[in-house]
Amino acid sequence: MANENQMKQERLTDGLRNRLHKGSPFVQGMRDAVPIGMGYYAVAFSLGIIAANVGIPALLGFTSSLLTRASAGEFGAYMLIAAHATSLEVIGMGIVTNLRYLLMSTALTQKFERRTPLWKRILAGCCMTDEVFGISIAYPHRLPASYPIGATVLAGTMWAAGTASGILAGDILPANVISALSVALYGMFIAIIIPPSRENRVVAVTVAVSFALSGLCTITPWVSQWSSGVRTIVLTVIIATLAAILKPVEPENEADDDL
């Protein structure tokens, strides 16, 4: 009896999911991305305050956010620009901080509809963020490539608009208000690293080692002469590689699935 009730509940859940995902996948993606876009706008506004302090104009900030859509990558790029880093350092920072999106887009190809053309797969892969990947993986059955594309059109535009709004506000608001708003982005990064550090000792140790080595490199002879961008890139690659070798993530046992 319990099994029958469970099967009925699963059928009802599947039916609800199917009804929610009827219609154009592109429009579905935009609709499902509305709460994501709202969160993006709030975070990107703080990022725009940082960009305003660096001297980034609103149009450039909008364009960079529209094409990048990565808080850590953009924040790092703005900090390097403020430190007068070279273009190669900014590009290197962007690649290192956003490599996970390459893994996400590669994993998502296993869920795409089988006849999805290559150009749509590539375009959908370029749309990946943590949140878009999350709703795409949760999509029932095979994934139309237009779904993450639609989600990114809305969420990505709101992210870019938030950055531009923050830059414009930074040009208008008093200096003390701008200084207070600038703290918001640092708070976001703290909120990102604290929860996983509390749950996973390996993550906590890695974060602590990163802080310690980053500070040590600023006073170490020869290394301290490197630009902050080069030090950050080198430390990120070394620490992440050592953590992966010494404490690899154990694969979870999952049931075989057609996807």
C-alpha atoms as a PDB file:
ATOM      1  CA  MET A   1       0.000   0.000   0.000  1.00  0.00           C
ATOM      2  CA  ALA A   2       2.808   2.356   0.867  1.00  0.00           C
ATOM      3  CA  ASN A   3       4.519   1.590  -2.444  1.00  0.00           C
ATOM      4  CA  GLU A   4       1.298   2.322  -4.346  1.00  0.00           C
ATOM      5  CA  ASN A   5       0.893   5.670  -2.586  1.00  0.00           C
ATOM      6  CA  GLN A   6       4.509   6.519  -3.328  1.00  0.00           C
ATOM      7  CA  MET A   7       4.047   5.637  -7.009  1.00  0.00           C
ATOM      8  CA  LYS A   8       0.914   7.804  -7.181  1.00  0.00           C
ATOM      9  CA  GLN A   9       2.776  10.692  -5.581  1.00  0.00           C
ATOM     10  CA  GLU A  10       5.650  10.319  -8.057  1.00  0.00           C
ATOM     11  CA  ARG A  11       3.201  10.301 -10.988  1.00  0.00           C
ATOM     12  CA  LEU A  12       1.523  13.435  -9.662  1.00  0.00           C
ATOM     13  CA  THR A  13       4.918  15.121  -9.253  1.00  0.00           C
ATOM     14  CA  ASP A  14       6.000  14.135 -12.754  1.00  0.00           C
ATOM     15  CA  GLY A  15       2.698  15.366 -14.150  1.00  0.00           C
ATOM     16  CA  LEU A  16       3.087  18.713 -12.406  1.00  0.00           C
ATOM     17  CA  ARG A  17       6.625  19.091 -13.719  1.00  0.00           C
ATOM     18  CA  ASN A  18       5.494  18.277 -17.242  1.00  0.00           C
ATOM     19  CA  ARG A  19       2.683  20.850 -17.064  1.00  0.00           C
ATOM     20  CA  LEU A  20       5.075  23.469 -15.757  1.00  0.00           C
ATOM     21  CA  HIS A  21       7.457  22.808 -18.641  1.00  0.00           C
ATOM     22  CA  LYS A  22       4.955  22.915 -21.501  1.00  0.00           C
ATOM     23  CA  GLY A  23       5.387  25.494 -24.229  1.00  0.00           C
ATOM     24  CA  SER A  24       8.508  27.116 -25.601  1.00  0.00           C
ATOM     25  CA  PRO A  25      11.655  26.014 -23.716  1.00  0.00           C
ATOM     26  CA  PHE A  26      13.141  29.456 -24.353  1.00  0.00           C
ATOM     27  CA  VAL A  27      10.217  31.160 -22.588  1.00  0.00           C
ATOM     28  CA  GLN A  28      10.301  28.535 -19.831  1.00  0.00           C
ATOM     29  CA  GLY A  29      13.938  29.334 -19.220  1.00  0.00           C
ATOM     30  CA  MET A  30      13.207  33.043 -18.970  1.00  0.00           C
ATOM     31  CA  ARG A  31      10.334  32.411 -16.560  1.00  0.00           C
ATOM     32  CA  ASP A  32      12.357  30.096 -14.322  1.00  0.00           C
ATOM     33  CA  ALA A  33      15.218  32.608 -14.277  1.00  0.00           C
ATOM     34  CA  VAL A  34      13.141  35.464 -12.831  1.00  0.00           C
ATOM     35  CA  PRO A  35      14.143  34.810  -9.178  1.00  0.00           C
ATOM     36  CA  ILE A  36      17.728  34.218 -10.290  1.00  0.00           C
ATOM     37  CA  GLY A  37      17.759  37.526 -12.133  1.00  0.00           C
ATOM     38  CA  MET A  38      16.428  39.368  -9.089  1.00  0.00           C
ATOM     39  CA  GLY A  39      19.255  37.989  -6.981  1.00  0.00           C
ATOM     40  CA  TYR A  40      21.753  38.766  -9.725  1.00  0.00           C
ATOM     41  CA  TYR A  41      20.650  42.399  -9.865  1.00  0.00           C
ATOM     42  CA  ALA A  42      21.183  42.894  -6.137  1.00  0.00           C
ATOM     43  CA  VAL A  43      24.664  41.352  -6.144  1.00  0.00           C
ATOM     44  CA  ALA A  44      25.701  43.045  -9.382  1.00  0.00           C
ATOM     45  CA  PHE A  45      24.710  46.425  -7.960  1.00  0.00           C
ATOM     46  CA  SER A  46      27.436  46.039  -5.332  1.00  0.00           C
ATOM     47  CA  LEU A  47      29.828  44.909  -8.048  1.00  0.00           C
ATOM     48  CA  GLY A  48      28.975  48.094  -9.944  1.00  0.00           C
ATOM     49  CA  ILE A  49      29.955  50.167  -6.916  1.00  0.00           C
ATOM     50  CA  ILE A  50      33.378  48.500  -7.018  1.00  0.00           C
ATOM     51  CA  ALA A  51      33.608  49.149 -10.775  1.00  0.00           C
ATOM     52  CA  ALA A  52      32.740  52.815 -10.244  1.00  0.00           C
ATOM     53  CA  ASN A  53      35.583  53.150  -7.746  1.00  0.00           C
ATOM     54  CA  VAL A  54      37.954  51.685 -10.334  1.00  0.00           C
ATOM     55  CA  GLY A  55      36.744  54.128 -12.989  1.00  0.00           C
ATOM     56  CA  ILE A  56      34.779  51.707 -15.196  1.00  0.00           C
ATOM     57  CA  PRO A  57      32.064  53.572 -17.188  1.00  0.00           C
ATOM     58  CA  ALA A  58      28.484  52.293 -17.054  1.00  0.00           C
ATOM     59  CA  LEU A  59      28.347  51.099 -20.674  1.00  0.00           C
ATOM     60  CA  LEU A  60      31.587  49.158 -20.331  1.00  0.00           C
ATOM     61  CA  GLY A  61      30.422  47.677 -17.035  1.00  0.00           C
ATOM     62  CA  PHE A  62      27.125  46.605 -18.610  1.00  0.00           C
ATOM     63  CA  THR A  63      28.919  44.980 -21.540  1.00  0.00           C
ATOM     64  CA  SER A  64      31.519  43.194 -19.428  1.00  0.00           C
ATOM     65  CA  SER A  65      28.861  41.823 -17.066  1.00  0.00           C
ATOM     66  CA  LEU A  66      26.633  40.762 -19.957  1.00  0.00           C
ATOM     67  CA  LEU A  67      29.471  38.753 -21.486  1.00  0.00           C
ATOM     68  CA  THR A  68      31.056  37.484 -18.262  1.00  0.00           C
ATOM     69  CA  ARG A  69      28.298  36.937 -15.667  1.00  0.00           C
ATOM     70  CA  ALA A  70      30.766  35.872 -12.983  1.00  0.00           C
ATOM     71  CA  SER A  71      31.055  37.833  -9.759  1.00  0.00           C
ATOM     72  CA  ALA A  72      34.435  36.454  -8.720  1.00  0.00           C
ATOM     73  CA  GLY A  73      35.877  36.817 -12.213  1.00  0.00           C
ATOM     74  CA  GLU A  74      34.657  40.368 -12.675  1.00  0.00           C
ATOM     75  CA  PHE A  75      35.667  41.422  -9.177  1.00  0.00           C
ATOM     76  CA  GLY A  76      39.157  40.025  -9.758  1.00  0.00           C
ATOM     77  CA  ALA A  77      39.363  41.752 -13.131  1.00  0.00           C
ATOM     78  CA  TYR A  78      38.346  45.111 -11.674  1.00  0.00           C
ATOM     79  CA  MET A  79      40.887  44.774  -8.885  1.00  0.00           C
ATOM     80  CA  LEU A  80      43.612  43.976 -11.412  1.00  0.00           C
ATOM     81  CA  ILE A  81      42.586  46.949 -13.529  1.00  0.00           C
ATOM     82  CA  ALA A  82      42.831  49.141 -10.437  1.00  0.00           C
ATOM     83  CA  ALA A  83      46.338  47.750  -9.834  1.00  0.00           C
ATOM     84  CA  HIS A  84      47.304  48.576 -13.453  1.00  0.00           C
ATOM     85  CA  ALA A  85      47.798  44.910 -14.310  1.00  0.00           C
ATOM     86  CA  THR A  86      48.480  43.773 -17.859  1.00  0.00           C
ATOM     87  CA  SER A  87      45.806  42.419 -20.178  1.00  0.00           C
ATOM     88  CA  LEU A  88      47.318  38.934 -19.947  1.00  0.00           C
ATOM     89  CA  GLU A  89      46.970  38.980 -16.173  1.00  0.00           C
ATOM     90  CA  VAL A  90      43.313  39.975 -16.409  1.00  0.00           C
ATOM     91  CA  ILE A  91      42.655  37.252 -18.989  1.00  0.00           C
ATOM     92  CA  GLY A  92      44.509  34.689 -16.888  1.00  0.00           C
ATOM     93  CA  MET A  93      42.475  35.607 -13.822  1.00  0.00           C
ATOM     94  CA  GLY A  94      39.257  35.237 -15.788  1.00  0.00           C
ATOM     95  CA  ILE A  95      40.249  31.795 -17.043  1.00  0.00           C
ATOM     96  CA  VAL A  96      41.313  30.484 -13.641  1.00  0.00           C
ATOM     97  CA  THR A  97      38.289  31.764 -11.726  1.00  0.00           C
ATOM     98  CA  ASN A  98      35.789  30.532 -14.322  1.00  0.00           C
ATOM     99  CA  LEU A  99      37.166  27.106 -15.219  1.00  0.00           C
ATOM    100  CA  ARG A 100      34.323  25.406 -13.349  1.00  0.00           C
ATOM    101  CA  TYR A 101      31.890  26.601 -16.002  1.00  0.00           C
ATOM    102  CA  LEU A 102      33.775  24.530 -18.551  1.00  0.00           C
ATOM    103  CA  LEU A 103      33.142  21.454 -16.406  1.00  0.00           C
ATOM    104  CA  MET A 104      29.472  22.380 -15.944  1.00  0.00           C
ATOM    105  CA  SER A 105      28.831  22.882 -19.640  1.00  0.00           C
ATOM    106  CA  THR A 106      30.621  19.629 -20.466  1.00  0.00           C
ATOM    107  CA  ALA A 107      28.516  17.721 -17.928  1.00  0.00           C
ATOM    108  CA  LEU A 108      25.328  19.295 -19.259  1.00  0.00           C
ATOM    109  CA  THR A 109      25.948  17.953 -22.767  1.00  0.00           C
ATOM    110  CA  GLN A 110      24.911  14.524 -21.453  1.00  0.00           C
ATOM    111  CA  LYS A 111      21.427  15.904 -20.766  1.00  0.00           C
ATOM    112  CA  PHE A 112      20.820  17.714 -24.039  1.00  0.00           C
ATOM    113  CA  GLU A 113      18.326  16.377 -26.548  1.00  0.00           C
ATOM    114  CA  ARG A 114      20.183  13.949 -28.785  1.00  0.00           C
ATOM    115  CA  ARG A 115      19.618  15.891 -32.011  1.00  0.00           C
ATOM    116  CA  THR A 116      20.751  19.236 -30.577  1.00  0.00           C
ATOM    117  CA  PRO A 117      23.041  20.857 -33.183  1.00  0.00           C
ATOM    118  CA  LEU A 118      26.614  21.699 -32.244  1.00  0.00           C
ATOM    119  CA  TRP A 119      26.146  25.454 -32.457  1.00  0.00           C
ATOM    120  CA  LYS A 120      23.303  25.330 -29.931  1.00  0.00           C
ATOM    121  CA  ARG A 121      25.390  23.190 -27.585  1.00  0.00           C
ATOM    122  CA  ILE A 122      28.235  25.709 -27.767  1.00  0.00           C
ATOM    123  CA  LEU A 123      25.889  28.662 -27.218  1.00  0.00           C
ATOM    124  CA  ALA A 124      24.230  26.959 -24.242  1.00  0.00           C
ATOM    125  CA  GLY A 125      27.672  26.150 -22.837  1.00  0.00           C
ATOM    126  CA  CYS A 126      28.586  29.828 -22.996  1.00  0.00           C
ATOM    127  CA  CYS A 127      25.477  30.574 -20.911  1.00  0.00           C
ATOM    128  CA  MET A 128      26.578  28.541 -17.890  1.00  0.00           C
ATOM    129  CA  THR A 129      26.563  29.990 -14.413  1.00  0.00           C
ATOM    130  CA  ASP A 130      26.058  28.128 -11.141  1.00  0.00           C
ATOM    131  CA  GLU A 131      22.364  29.008 -11.020  1.00  0.00           C
ATOM    132  CA  VAL A 132      21.593  28.373 -14.699  1.00  0.00           C
ATOM    133  CA  PHE A 133      23.339  25.028 -14.415  1.00  0.00           C
ATOM    134  CA  GLY A 134      21.208  24.207 -11.371  1.00  0.00           C
ATOM    135  CA  ILE A 135      17.858  24.816 -13.040  1.00  0.00           C
ATOM    136  CA  SER A 136      19.057  23.118 -16.240  1.00  0.00           C
ATOM    137  CA  ILE A 137      20.050  19.949 -14.412  1.00  0.00           C
ATOM    138  CA  ALA A 138      16.650  19.954 -12.655  1.00  0.00           C
ATOM    139  CA  TYR A 139      14.807  20.151 -15.983  1.00  0.00           C
ATOM    140  CA  PRO A 140      12.730  16.961 -16.453  1.00  0.00           C
ATOM    141  CA  HIS A 141      13.733  14.561 -19.227  1.00  0.00           C
ATOM    142  CA  ARG A 142      16.047  15.706 -22.023  1.00  0.00           C
ATOM    143  CA  LEU A 143      17.118  19.347 -21.995  1.00  0.00           C
ATOM    144  CA  PRO A 144      16.410  21.645 -24.963  1.00  0.00           C
ATOM    145  CA  ALA A 145      19.422  23.910 -25.493  1.00  0.00           C
ATOM    146  CA  SER A 146      17.066  26.882 -25.799  1.00  0.00           C
ATOM    147  CA  TYR A 147      16.111  26.498 -22.115  1.00  0.00           C
ATOM    148  CA  PRO A 148      19.452  27.643 -20.578  1.00  0.00           C
ATOM    149  CA  ILE A 149      19.767  30.190 -23.380  1.00  0.00           C
ATOM    150  CA  GLY A 150      16.423  31.714 -22.424  1.00  0.00           C
ATOM    151  CA  ALA A 151      17.360  31.678 -18.748  1.00  0.00           C
ATOM    152  CA  THR A 152      20.590  33.511 -19.510  1.00  0.00           C
ATOM    153  CA  VAL A 153      18.885  36.125 -21.684  1.00  0.00           C
ATOM    154  CA  LEU A 154      16.828  37.244 -18.675  1.00  0.00           C
ATOM    155  CA  ALA A 155      19.195  36.572 -15.765  1.00  0.00           C
ATOM    156  CA  GLY A 156      22.278  37.770 -17.641  1.00  0.00           C
ATOM    157  CA  THR A 157      20.579  40.994 -18.680  1.00  0.00           C
ATOM    158  CA  MET A 158      19.529  41.676 -15.085  1.00  0.00           C
ATOM    159  CA  TRP A 159      23.097  40.983 -13.921  1.00  0.00           C
ATOM    160  CA  ALA A 160      24.450  43.463 -16.467  1.00  0.00           C
ATOM    161  CA  ALA A 161      21.762  46.009 -15.572  1.00  0.00           C
ATOM    162  CA  GLY A 162      22.646  45.666 -11.892  1.00  0.00           C
ATOM    163  CA  THR A 163      26.296  46.381 -12.628  1.00  0.00           C
ATOM    164  CA  ALA A 164      25.454  49.427 -14.727  1.00  0.00           C
ATOM    165  CA  SER A 165      23.046  50.687 -12.044  1.00  0.00           C
ATOM    166  CA  GLY A 166      25.734  50.318  -9.397  1.00  0.00           C
ATOM    167  CA  ILE A 167      28.195  52.283 -11.519  1.00  0.00           C
ATOM    168  CA  LEU A 168      25.690  55.075 -12.109  1.00  0.00           C
ATOM    169  CA  ALA A 169      24.843  55.146  -8.400  1.00  0.00           C
ATOM    170  CA  GLY A 170      28.540  55.285  -7.596  1.00  0.00           C
ATOM    171  CA  ASP A 171      28.823  58.438  -9.683  1.00  0.00           C
ATOM    172  CA  ILE A 172      25.933  60.079  -7.828  1.00  0.00           C
ATOM    173  CA  LEU A 173      25.900  58.866  -4.229  1.00  0.00           C
ATOM    174  CA  PRO A 174      28.062  60.462  -1.511  1.00  0.00           C
ATOM    175  CA  ALA A 175      31.479  58.931  -0.858  1.00  0.00           C
ATOM    176  CA  ASN A 176      30.522  57.551   2.575  1.00  0.00           C
ATOM    177  CA  VAL A 177      27.471  55.746   1.123  1.00  0.00           C
ATOM    178  CA  ILE A 178      29.582  54.289  -1.695  1.00  0.00           C
ATOM    179  CA  SER A 179      32.125  53.076   0.841  1.00  0.00           C
ATOM    180  CA  ALA A 180      29.393  51.341   2.827  1.00  0.00           C
ATOM    181  CA  LEU A 181      27.886  49.693  -0.263  1.00  0.00           C
ATOM    182  CA  SER A 182      31.321  48.488  -1.359  1.00  0.00           C
ATOM    183  CA  VAL A 183      31.419  46.238   1.692  1.00  0.00           C
ATOM    184  CA  ALA A 184      28.420  44.293   0.394  1.00  0.00           C
ATOM    185  CA  LEU A 185      30.433  42.428  -2.231  1.00  0.00           C
ATOM    186  CA  TYR A 186      33.090  41.426   0.302  1.00  0.00           C
ATOM    187  CA  GLY A 187      30.270  40.185   2.523  1.00  0.00           C
ATOM    188  CA  MET A 188      28.989  38.099  -0.373  1.00  0.00           C
ATOM    189  CA  PHE A 189      32.347  36.392  -0.762  1.00  0.00           C
ATOM    190  CA  ILE A 190      32.488  35.683   2.965  1.00  0.00           C
ATOM    191  CA  ALA A 191      28.987  34.210   2.742  1.00  0.00           C
ATOM    192  CA  ILE A 192      30.181  31.983  -0.090  1.00  0.00           C
ATOM    193  CA  ILE A 193      33.194  30.491   1.692  1.00  0.00           C
ATOM    194  CA  ILE A 194      31.909  30.200   5.284  1.00  0.00           C
ATOM    195  CA  PRO A 195      29.090  27.606   4.846  1.00  0.00           C
ATOM    196  CA  PRO A 196      31.165  25.054   2.876  1.00  0.00           C
ATOM    197  CA  SER A 197      34.100  25.644   5.228  1.00  0.00           C
ATOM    198  CA  ARG A 198      31.922  24.747   8.210  1.00  0.00           C
ATOM    199  CA  GLU A 199      30.634  21.603   6.526  1.00  0.00           C
ATOM    200  CA  ASN A 200      33.891  20.363   5.018  1.00  0.00           C
ATOM    201  CA  ARG A 201      37.189  20.406   6.875  1.00  0.00           C
ATOM    202  CA  VAL A 202      39.173  20.128   3.636  1.00  0.00           C
ATOM    203  CA  VAL A 203      37.549  23.292   2.303  1.00  0.00           C
ATOM    204  CA  ALA A 204      38.192  25.093   5.604  1.00  0.00           C
ATOM    205  CA  VAL A 205      41.870  24.120   5.579  1.00  0.00           C
ATOM    206  CA  THR A 206      42.197  25.113   1.911  1.00  0.00           C
ATOM    207  CA  VAL A 207      40.679  28.543   2.590  1.00  0.00           C
ATOM    208  CA  ALA A 208      42.933  29.081   5.619  1.00  0.00           C
ATOM    209  CA  VAL A 209      46.024  28.021   3.661  1.00  0.00           C
ATOM    210  CA  SER A 210      45.034  30.355   0.832  1.00  0.00           C
ATOM    211  CA  PHE A 211      44.779  33.319   3.215  1.00  0.00           C
ATOM    212  CA  ALA A 212      48.079  32.462   4.895  1.00  0.00           C
ATOM    213  CA  LEU A 213      50.048  31.938   1.682  1.00  0.00           C
ATOM    214  CA  SER A 214      48.547  35.031   0.073  1.00  0.00           C
ATOM    215  CA  GLY A 215      49.741  37.138   2.997  1.00  0.00           C
ATOM    216  CA  LEU A 216      53.130  35.401   3.070  1.00  0.00           C
ATOM    217  CA  CYS A 217      53.692  36.058  -0.628  1.00  0.00           C
ATOM    218  CA  THR A 218      53.390  39.801  -0.076  1.00  0.00           C
ATOM    219  CA  ILE A 219      56.501  39.796   2.135  1.00  0.00           C
ATOM    220  CA  THR A 220      58.517  36.970   0.564  1.00  0.00           C
ATOM    221  CA  PRO A 221      61.544  38.154  -1.436  1.00  0.00           C
ATOM    222  CA  TRP A 222      61.247  37.826  -5.216  1.00  0.00           C
ATOM    223  CA  VAL A 223      57.635  36.615  -5.037  1.00  0.00           C
ATOM    224  CA  SER A 224      56.544  39.917  -3.462  1.00  0.00           C
ATOM    225  CA  GLN A 225      57.815  41.665  -6.589  1.00  0.00           C
ATOM    226  CA  TRP A 226      55.205  39.887  -8.716  1.00  0.00           C
ATOM    227  CA  SER A 227      52.001  41.728  -9.438  1.00  0.00           C
ATOM    228  CA  SER A 228      48.969  40.824  -7.322  1.00  0.00           C
ATOM    229  CA  GLY A 229      47.332  39.276 -10.378  1.00  0.00           C
ATOM    230  CA  VAL A 230      50.199  36.874 -11.061  1.00  0.00           C
ATOM    231  CA  ARG A 231      50.409  35.884  -7.386  1.00  0.00           C
ATOM    232  CA  THR A 232      46.693  35.179  -7.247  1.00  0.00           C
ATOM    233  CA  ILE A 233      46.740  33.057 -10.411  1.00  0.00           C
ATOM    234  CA  VAL A 234      49.774  31.029  -9.316  1.00  0.00           C
ATOM    235  CA  LEU A 235      48.422  30.451  -5.803  1.00  0.00           C
ATOM    236  CA  THR A 236      44.995  29.451  -7.117  1.00  0.00           C
ATOM    237  CA  VAL A 237      46.416  26.847  -9.482  1.00  0.00           C
ATOM    238  CA  ILE A 238      48.898  25.417  -6.938  1.00  0.00           C
ATOM    239  CA  ILE A 239      46.516  25.243  -3.965  1.00  0.00           C
ATOM    240  CA  ALA A 240      43.610  23.857  -6.001  1.00  0.00           C
ATOM    241  CA  THR A 241      45.861  21.224  -7.592  1.00  0.00           C
ATOM    242  CA  LEU A 242      47.331  20.097  -4.268  1.00  0.00           C
ATOM    243  CA  ALA A 243      43.870  19.922  -2.672  1.00  0.00           C
ATOM    244  CA  ALA A 244      42.573  17.815  -5.563  1.00  0.00           C
ATOM    245  CA  ILE A 245      45.551  15.431  -5.345  1.00  0.00           C
ATOM    246  CA  LEU A 246      45.692  15.097  -1.561  1.00  0.00           C
ATOM    247  CA  LYS A 247      41.960  15.091  -0.838  1.00  0.00           C
ATOM    248  CA  PRO A 248      40.055  14.186  -4.002  1.00  0.00           C
ATOM    249  CA  VAL A 249      36.261  14.222  -3.915  1.00  0.00           C
ATOM    250  CA  GLU A 250      34.964  10.674  -3.704  1.00  0.00           C
ATOM    251  CA  PRO A 251      32.407   9.868  -6.430  1.00  0.00           C
ATOM    252  CA  GLU A 252      28.913   9.222  -5.169  1.00  0.00           C
ATOM    253  CA  ASN A 253      27.215   5.927  -5.948  1.00  0.00           C
ATOM    254  CA  GLU A 254      24.335   6.773  -8.198  1.00  0.00           C
ATOM    255  CA  ALA A 255      21.872   4.590  -9.995  1.00  0.00           C
ATOM    256  CA  ASP A 256      22.377   4.164 -13.705  1.00  0.00           C
ATOM    257  CA  ASP A 257      20.322   6.627 -15.707  1.00  0.00           C
ATOM    258  CA  ASP A 258      19.565   7.040 -19.376  1.00  0.00           C
ATOM    259  CA  LEU A 259      20.823  10.582 -19.191  1.00  0.00           C
END
